[in-house]
Amino acid sequence: MDDLFLRVPRATLLQDPVGLCLAPQRVKHIHLAHKIAAGFPSPASDYMEPGLDLNEYLVPNKAASFLFTVTGESMAGAGIMDGDKVVVDRSVSPVHGKIVIAVVNGEYTLKRLFHFNGGLELRSENPAYAPIRITEGCELEIWGVVVGVVRRYRG
């Protein structure tokens, strides 16, 4: 059964986690920020929203949060693409249905956690990838829960 884990393609992580409590000081963007219509022009262009502090928005628990870079397409159905950054909070409980960073037999993977027939599965969000069933003898550590995704638009 160990060879199953070697053959299952996974979304992998490019580097060791970067602790966000060690990140540079907060930068609050106070530039023009308001809702924008993607269809017809909006007559409410004079309505302004306050600036957005991305640290406050994406990192609920700074001391327990880390940033990973994703590689692979196994979580595309959840909107997590190759090259995205995921914010992972180790203080959030890993419950059924959450997207988690898991360590299976010493290898990191990004998957959705499922309780299945009395056991556990790690499922991708891409039908091309098989679920990873956690069986007796498998080593599993749920490293943290994904709480945010950051993507740079390159269009």
N, C-alpha and C. Protein backbone atom coordinates (compact mmCIF):
# COMPACT_ATOMS: atom_id res chain seq x y z
N MET A 1 0.82 -1.20 0.00
CA MET A 1 0.00 0.00 0.00
C MET A 1 0.86 1.26 0.00
N ASP A 2 2.12 1.17 0.48
CA ASP A 2 2.98 2.34 0.51
C ASP A 2 3.25 2.88 -0.89
N ASP A 3 3.29 1.98 -1.91
CA ASP A 3 3.58 2.45 -3.25
C ASP A 3 2.44 3.30 -3.80
N LEU A 4 1.22 3.20 -3.24
CA LEU A 4 0.11 4.05 -3.65
C LEU A 4 0.48 5.51 -3.46
N PHE A 5 1.16 5.83 -2.40
CA PHE A 5 1.50 7.21 -2.11
C PHE A 5 2.58 7.72 -3.04
N LEU A 6 3.38 6.83 -3.59
CA LEU A 6 4.42 7.27 -4.51
C LEU A 6 3.84 7.51 -5.90
N ARG A 7 2.73 6.84 -6.25
CA ARG A 7 2.16 6.96 -7.58
C ARG A 7 1.06 8.00 -7.68
N VAL A 8 0.50 8.44 -6.57
CA VAL A 8 -0.61 9.39 -6.61
C VAL A 8 -0.05 10.80 -6.82
N PRO A 9 -0.38 11.47 -7.94
CA PRO A 9 0.08 12.84 -8.12
C PRO A 9 -0.53 13.73 -7.04
N ARG A 10 0.23 14.69 -6.58
CA ARG A 10 -0.22 15.55 -5.49
C ARG A 10 0.08 17.00 -5.82
N ALA A 11 -0.70 17.88 -5.20
CA ALA A 11 -0.28 19.28 -5.19
C ALA A 11 0.83 19.32 -4.15
N THR A 12 1.97 19.79 -4.51
CA THR A 12 3.09 19.80 -3.60
C THR A 12 3.45 21.21 -3.23
N LEU A 13 4.35 21.34 -2.29
CA LEU A 13 4.75 22.63 -1.78
C LEU A 13 6.18 22.88 -2.17
N LEU A 14 6.48 24.11 -2.57
CA LEU A 14 7.81 24.41 -3.11
C LEU A 14 8.86 24.69 -2.06
N GLN A 15 8.48 25.01 -0.83
CA GLN A 15 9.48 25.40 0.14
C GLN A 15 8.99 25.09 1.55
N ASP A 16 9.89 25.26 2.49
CA ASP A 16 9.49 25.15 3.88
C ASP A 16 8.53 26.29 4.19
N PRO A 17 7.66 26.11 5.17
CA PRO A 17 6.70 27.17 5.48
C PRO A 17 7.41 28.44 5.91
N VAL A 18 6.85 29.55 5.52
CA VAL A 18 7.35 30.85 5.92
C VAL A 18 6.43 31.36 7.02
N GLY A 19 6.96 31.54 8.20
CA GLY A 19 6.15 32.03 9.31
C GLY A 19 5.75 33.47 9.08
N LEU A 20 4.45 33.75 9.20
CA LEU A 20 3.98 35.11 8.94
C LEU A 20 4.26 36.04 10.10
N CYS A 21 4.56 35.51 11.28
CA CYS A 21 4.90 36.39 12.38
C CYS A 21 6.29 36.97 12.17
N LEU A 22 7.04 36.42 11.21
CA LEU A 22 8.36 36.95 10.89
C LEU A 22 8.33 37.82 9.64
N ALA A 23 7.12 37.99 9.08
CA ALA A 23 6.98 38.76 7.85
C ALA A 23 7.23 40.24 8.10
N PRO A 24 7.51 41.00 7.05
CA PRO A 24 7.73 42.44 7.21
C PRO A 24 6.51 43.11 7.84
N GLN A 25 6.71 44.31 8.33
CA GLN A 25 5.64 45.05 8.99
C GLN A 25 4.46 45.23 8.06
N ARG A 26 3.30 45.44 8.68
CA ARG A 26 2.06 45.62 7.92
C ARG A 26 2.16 46.83 7.00
N VAL A 27 1.56 46.67 5.85
CA VAL A 27 1.42 47.77 4.92
C VAL A 27 -0.06 47.89 4.64
N LYS A 28 -0.64 49.01 4.97
CA LYS A 28 -2.05 49.22 4.73
C LYS A 28 -2.22 50.01 3.45
N HIS A 29 -2.96 49.43 2.53
CA HIS A 29 -3.19 50.09 1.25
C HIS A 29 -4.38 51.03 1.41
N ILE A 30 -4.15 52.31 1.26
CA ILE A 30 -5.20 53.30 1.44
C ILE A 30 -5.56 53.93 0.10
N HIS A 31 -5.17 53.30 -0.97
CA HIS A 31 -5.47 53.83 -2.29
C HIS A 31 -6.97 53.72 -2.57
N LEU A 32 -7.39 54.20 -3.72
CA LEU A 32 -8.78 54.15 -4.13
C LEU A 32 -9.30 52.72 -4.04
N ALA A 33 -10.33 52.50 -3.26
CA ALA A 33 -10.90 51.17 -3.11
C ALA A 33 -12.40 51.28 -3.08
N HIS A 34 -13.06 50.71 -4.05
CA HIS A 34 -14.51 50.65 -4.04
C HIS A 34 -14.97 49.48 -4.88
N LYS A 35 -16.25 49.14 -4.73
CA LYS A 35 -16.80 48.03 -5.50
C LYS A 35 -16.84 48.42 -6.96
N ILE A 36 -16.60 47.45 -7.83
CA ILE A 36 -16.55 47.73 -9.26
C ILE A 36 -17.47 46.75 -9.99
N ALA A 37 -18.26 47.26 -10.90
CA ALA A 37 -19.15 46.42 -11.70
C ALA A 37 -18.34 45.76 -12.81
N ALA A 38 -18.48 44.45 -12.95
CA ALA A 38 -17.78 43.75 -14.02
C ALA A 38 -18.66 43.66 -15.27
N GLY A 39 -19.90 44.13 -15.17
CA GLY A 39 -20.81 44.13 -16.32
C GLY A 39 -21.06 45.55 -16.77
N PHE A 40 -22.20 46.11 -16.38
CA PHE A 40 -22.55 47.47 -16.75
C PHE A 40 -21.91 48.46 -15.78
N PRO A 41 -21.60 49.66 -16.23
CA PRO A 41 -21.02 50.67 -15.33
C PRO A 41 -21.95 50.95 -14.16
N SER A 42 -21.38 51.22 -13.00
CA SER A 42 -22.15 51.47 -11.78
C SER A 42 -22.30 52.97 -11.55
N PRO A 43 -23.54 53.44 -11.28
CA PRO A 43 -23.71 54.86 -10.98
C PRO A 43 -23.23 55.23 -9.57
N ALA A 44 -22.87 54.24 -8.76
CA ALA A 44 -22.46 54.50 -7.38
C ALA A 44 -20.95 54.64 -7.27
N SER A 45 -20.32 55.30 -8.23
CA SER A 45 -18.86 55.39 -8.22
C SER A 45 -18.34 56.29 -7.11
N ASP A 46 -19.23 57.05 -6.46
CA ASP A 46 -18.76 57.91 -5.38
C ASP A 46 -18.75 57.20 -4.04
N TYR A 47 -19.20 55.93 -3.97
CA TYR A 47 -19.17 55.18 -2.72
C TYR A 47 -17.77 54.59 -2.53
N MET A 48 -17.14 54.93 -1.44
CA MET A 48 -15.77 54.47 -1.18
C MET A 48 -15.78 53.50 -0.01
N GLU A 49 -14.95 52.46 -0.10
CA GLU A 49 -14.76 51.55 1.01
C GLU A 49 -13.45 51.89 1.70
N PRO A 50 -13.31 51.52 2.97
CA PRO A 50 -12.04 51.78 3.66
C PRO A 50 -10.92 50.92 3.05
N GLY A 51 -9.67 51.31 3.30
CA GLY A 51 -8.53 50.54 2.81
C GLY A 51 -8.55 49.12 3.35
N LEU A 52 -7.83 48.26 2.70
CA LEU A 52 -7.80 46.84 3.07
C LEU A 52 -6.42 46.47 3.57
N ASP A 53 -6.34 45.99 4.79
CA ASP A 53 -5.10 45.47 5.34
C ASP A 53 -5.09 43.97 5.09
N LEU A 54 -4.27 43.53 4.14
CA LEU A 54 -4.26 42.11 3.75
C LEU A 54 -3.83 41.19 4.88
N ASN A 55 -2.96 41.67 5.76
CA ASN A 55 -2.59 40.84 6.92
C ASN A 55 -3.79 40.58 7.80
N GLU A 56 -4.55 41.62 8.07
CA GLU A 56 -5.74 41.49 8.92
C GLU A 56 -6.79 40.60 8.25
N TYR A 57 -6.94 40.75 6.95
CA TYR A 57 -7.94 40.02 6.19
C TYR A 57 -7.63 38.54 6.05
N LEU A 58 -6.36 38.20 5.80
CA LEU A 58 -5.98 36.82 5.50
C LEU A 58 -5.36 36.05 6.66
N VAL A 59 -4.86 36.74 7.67
CA VAL A 59 -4.10 36.07 8.73
C VAL A 59 -4.79 36.31 10.08
N PRO A 60 -5.73 35.43 10.45
CA PRO A 60 -6.43 35.62 11.71
C PRO A 60 -5.56 35.39 12.94
N ASN A 61 -4.59 34.50 12.86
CA ASN A 61 -3.73 34.19 13.99
C ASN A 61 -2.28 34.22 13.52
N LYS A 62 -1.67 35.39 13.59
CA LYS A 62 -0.34 35.61 13.02
C LYS A 62 0.72 34.63 13.53
N ALA A 63 0.72 34.35 14.82
CA ALA A 63 1.76 33.49 15.41
C ALA A 63 1.66 32.04 14.93
N ALA A 64 0.47 31.60 14.49
CA ALA A 64 0.28 30.21 14.08
C ALA A 64 0.09 30.08 12.57
N SER A 65 0.34 31.14 11.81
CA SER A 65 0.08 31.14 10.38
C SER A 65 1.37 31.08 9.57
N PHE A 66 1.29 30.37 8.45
CA PHE A 66 2.43 30.16 7.58
C PHE A 66 1.98 30.30 6.13
N LEU A 67 2.94 30.56 5.26
CA LEU A 67 2.66 30.75 3.85
C LEU A 67 3.40 29.68 3.04
N PHE A 68 2.69 29.01 2.14
CA PHE A 68 3.27 28.00 1.26
C PHE A 68 3.02 28.38 -0.19
N THR A 69 3.90 27.97 -1.08
CA THR A 69 3.68 28.10 -2.51
C THR A 69 3.25 26.73 -3.04
N VAL A 70 2.18 26.71 -3.83
CA VAL A 70 1.61 25.46 -4.33
C VAL A 70 2.16 25.16 -5.72
N THR A 71 2.40 23.90 -5.98
CA THR A 71 2.72 23.45 -7.33
C THR A 71 1.84 22.25 -7.64
N GLY A 72 1.29 22.21 -8.82
CA GLY A 72 0.39 21.12 -9.21
C GLY A 72 -1.03 21.62 -9.37
N GLU A 73 -1.86 20.79 -9.99
CA GLU A 73 -3.23 21.16 -10.34
C GLU A 73 -4.29 20.35 -9.59
N SER A 74 -3.90 19.60 -8.56
CA SER A 74 -4.86 18.71 -7.92
C SER A 74 -5.94 19.43 -7.12
N MET A 75 -5.75 20.72 -6.81
CA MET A 75 -6.77 21.46 -6.06
C MET A 75 -7.43 22.56 -6.89
N ALA A 76 -7.35 22.44 -8.21
CA ALA A 76 -7.90 23.46 -9.11
C ALA A 76 -9.40 23.66 -8.91
N GLY A 77 -10.13 22.61 -8.62
CA GLY A 77 -11.57 22.73 -8.41
C GLY A 77 -11.94 23.55 -7.19
N ALA A 78 -11.00 23.73 -6.28
CA ALA A 78 -11.21 24.57 -5.10
C ALA A 78 -10.66 25.98 -5.33
N GLY A 79 -10.20 26.24 -6.55
CA GLY A 79 -9.67 27.56 -6.85
C GLY A 79 -8.23 27.75 -6.42
N ILE A 80 -7.52 26.68 -6.12
CA ILE A 80 -6.11 26.75 -5.73
C ILE A 80 -5.29 26.23 -6.91
N MET A 81 -4.53 27.13 -7.52
CA MET A 81 -3.81 26.82 -8.75
C MET A 81 -2.31 26.75 -8.52
N ASP A 82 -1.64 26.18 -9.51
CA ASP A 82 -0.19 26.10 -9.51
C ASP A 82 0.39 27.51 -9.37
N GLY A 83 1.30 27.70 -8.43
CA GLY A 83 1.92 29.00 -8.20
C GLY A 83 1.24 29.86 -7.16
N ASP A 84 0.03 29.49 -6.74
CA ASP A 84 -0.66 30.25 -5.70
C ASP A 84 0.08 30.15 -4.38
N LYS A 85 -0.16 31.10 -3.52
CA LYS A 85 0.30 31.06 -2.13
C LYS A 85 -0.91 30.70 -1.28
N VAL A 86 -0.74 29.75 -0.37
CA VAL A 86 -1.82 29.44 0.57
C VAL A 86 -1.39 29.85 1.97
N VAL A 87 -2.32 30.46 2.68
CA VAL A 87 -2.11 30.84 4.08
C VAL A 87 -2.64 29.69 4.92
N VAL A 88 -1.80 29.15 5.78
CA VAL A 88 -2.13 27.98 6.59
C VAL A 88 -2.06 28.36 8.06
N ASP A 89 -3.13 28.05 8.79
CA ASP A 89 -3.20 28.35 10.22
C ASP A 89 -3.17 27.04 11.00
N ARG A 90 -2.15 26.90 11.81
CA ARG A 90 -1.99 25.66 12.60
C ARG A 90 -2.92 25.62 13.81
N SER A 91 -3.56 26.75 14.16
CA SER A 91 -4.44 26.76 15.33
C SER A 91 -5.88 26.39 14.98
N VAL A 92 -6.20 26.26 13.70
CA VAL A 92 -7.55 25.90 13.27
C VAL A 92 -7.69 24.38 13.31
N SER A 93 -8.82 23.91 13.84
CA SER A 93 -9.06 22.46 13.93
C SER A 93 -9.29 21.87 12.56
N PRO A 94 -8.60 20.77 12.25
CA PRO A 94 -8.78 20.12 10.94
C PRO A 94 -10.00 19.21 10.97
N VAL A 95 -11.14 19.72 10.55
CA VAL A 95 -12.38 18.96 10.57
C VAL A 95 -12.77 18.55 9.15
N HIS A 96 -13.71 17.64 9.08
CA HIS A 96 -14.23 17.13 7.82
C HIS A 96 -14.55 18.27 6.86
N GLY A 97 -14.03 18.17 5.63
CA GLY A 97 -14.34 19.15 4.60
C GLY A 97 -13.36 20.30 4.48
N LYS A 98 -12.47 20.48 5.45
CA LYS A 98 -11.49 21.56 5.39
C LYS A 98 -10.34 21.18 4.45
N ILE A 99 -9.75 22.19 3.82
CA ILE A 99 -8.55 21.97 3.01
C ILE A 99 -7.36 22.06 3.96
N VAL A 100 -6.50 21.05 3.90
CA VAL A 100 -5.42 20.95 4.88
C VAL A 100 -4.08 20.72 4.19
N ILE A 101 -3.02 21.06 4.92
CA ILE A 101 -1.68 20.61 4.59
C ILE A 101 -1.48 19.35 5.43
N ALA A 102 -1.27 18.24 4.77
CA ALA A 102 -1.08 16.97 5.47
C ALA A 102 0.31 16.43 5.15
N VAL A 103 0.86 15.70 6.11
CA VAL A 103 2.12 15.01 5.90
C VAL A 103 1.78 13.52 5.94
N VAL A 104 1.89 12.86 4.77
CA VAL A 104 1.56 11.44 4.65
C VAL A 104 2.86 10.69 4.39
N ASN A 105 3.20 9.83 5.33
CA ASN A 105 4.45 9.05 5.23
C ASN A 105 5.64 9.95 4.91
N GLY A 106 5.68 11.10 5.56
CA GLY A 106 6.82 12.01 5.43
C GLY A 106 6.76 12.97 4.26
N GLU A 107 5.70 12.93 3.44
CA GLU A 107 5.59 13.82 2.29
C GLU A 107 4.42 14.78 2.47
N TYR A 108 4.68 16.07 2.20
CA TYR A 108 3.63 17.09 2.30
C TYR A 108 2.68 16.99 1.12
N THR A 109 1.40 17.25 1.37
CA THR A 109 0.40 17.33 0.31
C THR A 109 -0.71 18.29 0.73
N LEU A 110 -1.36 18.85 -0.24
CA LEU A 110 -2.47 19.79 -0.03
C LEU A 110 -3.73 19.11 -0.52
N LYS A 111 -4.67 18.83 0.38
CA LYS A 111 -5.89 18.10 0.02
C LYS A 111 -7.04 18.51 0.93
N ARG A 112 -8.25 18.06 0.57
CA ARG A 112 -9.43 18.26 1.41
C ARG A 112 -9.58 17.02 2.30
N LEU A 113 -9.80 17.24 3.58
CA LEU A 113 -9.92 16.16 4.57
C LEU A 113 -11.35 15.63 4.60
N PHE A 114 -11.47 14.30 4.50
CA PHE A 114 -12.78 13.65 4.56
C PHE A 114 -12.75 12.49 5.53
N HIS A 115 -13.80 12.42 6.36
CA HIS A 115 -14.05 11.22 7.16
C HIS A 115 -14.88 10.31 6.27
N PHE A 116 -14.42 9.09 6.07
CA PHE A 116 -15.03 8.22 5.07
C PHE A 116 -15.11 6.80 5.60
N ASN A 117 -16.32 6.27 5.76
CA ASN A 117 -16.54 4.90 6.24
C ASN A 117 -15.71 4.58 7.49
N GLY A 118 -15.71 5.48 8.44
CA GLY A 118 -14.98 5.25 9.68
C GLY A 118 -13.49 5.53 9.58
N GLY A 119 -13.01 5.93 8.43
CA GLY A 119 -11.59 6.22 8.25
C GLY A 119 -11.40 7.63 7.71
N LEU A 120 -10.22 7.89 7.22
CA LEU A 120 -9.90 9.20 6.67
C LEU A 120 -9.46 9.08 5.22
N GLU A 121 -9.81 10.09 4.44
CA GLU A 121 -9.32 10.24 3.09
C GLU A 121 -8.85 11.66 2.89
N LEU A 122 -7.87 11.82 2.04
CA LEU A 122 -7.43 13.13 1.59
C LEU A 122 -7.80 13.19 0.11
N ARG A 123 -8.68 14.12 -0.24
CA ARG A 123 -9.20 14.18 -1.61
C ARG A 123 -8.73 15.43 -2.33
N SER A 124 -8.41 15.24 -3.58
CA SER A 124 -8.08 16.38 -4.43
C SER A 124 -9.39 17.01 -4.91
N GLU A 125 -9.26 18.15 -5.56
CA GLU A 125 -10.41 18.84 -6.17
C GLU A 125 -10.22 18.84 -7.68
N ASN A 126 -9.77 17.69 -8.19
CA ASN A 126 -9.56 17.50 -9.61
C ASN A 126 -9.82 16.02 -9.88
N PRO A 127 -10.78 15.68 -10.73
CA PRO A 127 -11.13 14.27 -10.94
C PRO A 127 -10.00 13.42 -11.52
N ALA A 128 -8.95 14.03 -12.01
CA ALA A 128 -7.83 13.28 -12.56
C ALA A 128 -6.95 12.65 -11.48
N TYR A 129 -7.19 13.03 -10.21
CA TYR A 129 -6.35 12.56 -9.11
C TYR A 129 -7.16 11.69 -8.16
N ALA A 130 -6.61 10.54 -7.82
CA ALA A 130 -7.27 9.60 -6.91
C ALA A 130 -7.16 10.09 -5.46
N PRO A 131 -8.16 9.75 -4.63
CA PRO A 131 -8.04 10.09 -3.22
C PRO A 131 -6.94 9.27 -2.54
N ILE A 132 -6.42 9.81 -1.47
CA ILE A 132 -5.43 9.09 -0.66
C ILE A 132 -6.17 8.55 0.55
N ARG A 133 -6.29 7.24 0.63
CA ARG A 133 -6.96 6.62 1.78
C ARG A 133 -5.91 6.35 2.86
N ILE A 134 -6.21 6.79 4.05
CA ILE A 134 -5.30 6.58 5.17
C ILE A 134 -5.63 5.22 5.77
N THR A 135 -4.71 4.30 5.64
CA THR A 135 -4.92 2.94 6.11
C THR A 135 -3.97 2.63 7.26
N GLU A 136 -4.19 1.49 7.88
CA GLU A 136 -3.32 1.07 8.98
C GLU A 136 -1.88 1.01 8.49
N GLY A 137 -0.99 1.56 9.27
CA GLY A 137 0.42 1.60 8.91
C GLY A 137 0.86 2.90 8.25
N CYS A 138 -0.11 3.69 7.78
CA CYS A 138 0.22 5.00 7.19
C CYS A 138 0.49 5.99 8.32
N GLU A 139 1.46 6.83 8.10
CA GLU A 139 1.72 7.92 9.04
C GLU A 139 1.06 9.17 8.50
N LEU A 140 0.22 9.80 9.33
CA LEU A 140 -0.50 11.01 8.92
C LEU A 140 -0.36 12.07 9.99
N GLU A 141 0.03 13.27 9.57
CA GLU A 141 0.00 14.44 10.44
C GLU A 141 -0.72 15.54 9.67
N ILE A 142 -1.76 16.09 10.27
CA ILE A 142 -2.41 17.25 9.68
C ILE A 142 -1.62 18.46 10.17
N TRP A 143 -0.88 19.08 9.28
CA TRP A 143 0.05 20.14 9.63
C TRP A 143 -0.66 21.45 9.91
N GLY A 144 -1.73 21.73 9.16
CA GLY A 144 -2.48 22.97 9.34
C GLY A 144 -3.64 23.03 8.37
N VAL A 145 -4.48 24.06 8.55
CA VAL A 145 -5.68 24.25 7.74
C VAL A 145 -5.51 25.50 6.88
N VAL A 146 -5.86 25.38 5.61
CA VAL A 146 -5.78 26.52 4.69
C VAL A 146 -6.89 27.51 5.03
N VAL A 147 -6.50 28.77 5.23
CA VAL A 147 -7.47 29.82 5.56
C VAL A 147 -7.51 30.93 4.50
N GLY A 148 -6.62 30.85 3.52
CA GLY A 148 -6.62 31.87 2.47
C GLY A 148 -5.73 31.47 1.31
N VAL A 149 -6.00 32.10 0.16
CA VAL A 149 -5.22 31.87 -1.05
C VAL A 149 -4.89 33.22 -1.66
N VAL A 150 -3.65 33.37 -2.12
CA VAL A 150 -3.23 34.60 -2.78
C VAL A 150 -2.72 34.23 -4.17
N ARG A 151 -3.20 34.96 -5.16
CA ARG A 151 -2.78 34.70 -6.54
C ARG A 151 -2.43 36.02 -7.20
N ARG A 152 -1.31 36.04 -7.87
CA ARG A 152 -0.91 37.22 -8.65
C ARG A 152 -1.46 37.02 -10.06
N TYR A 153 -2.23 37.99 -10.50
CA TYR A 153 -2.79 37.93 -11.85
C TYR A 153 -1.70 38.27 -12.85
N ARG A 154 -1.53 37.41 -13.82
CA ARG A 154 -0.45 37.60 -14.79
C ARG A 154 -1.03 37.74 -16.21
N GLY A 155 -2.14 38.46 -16.33
CA GLY A 155 -2.83 38.58 -17.63
C GLY A 155 -2.37 39.70 -18.38
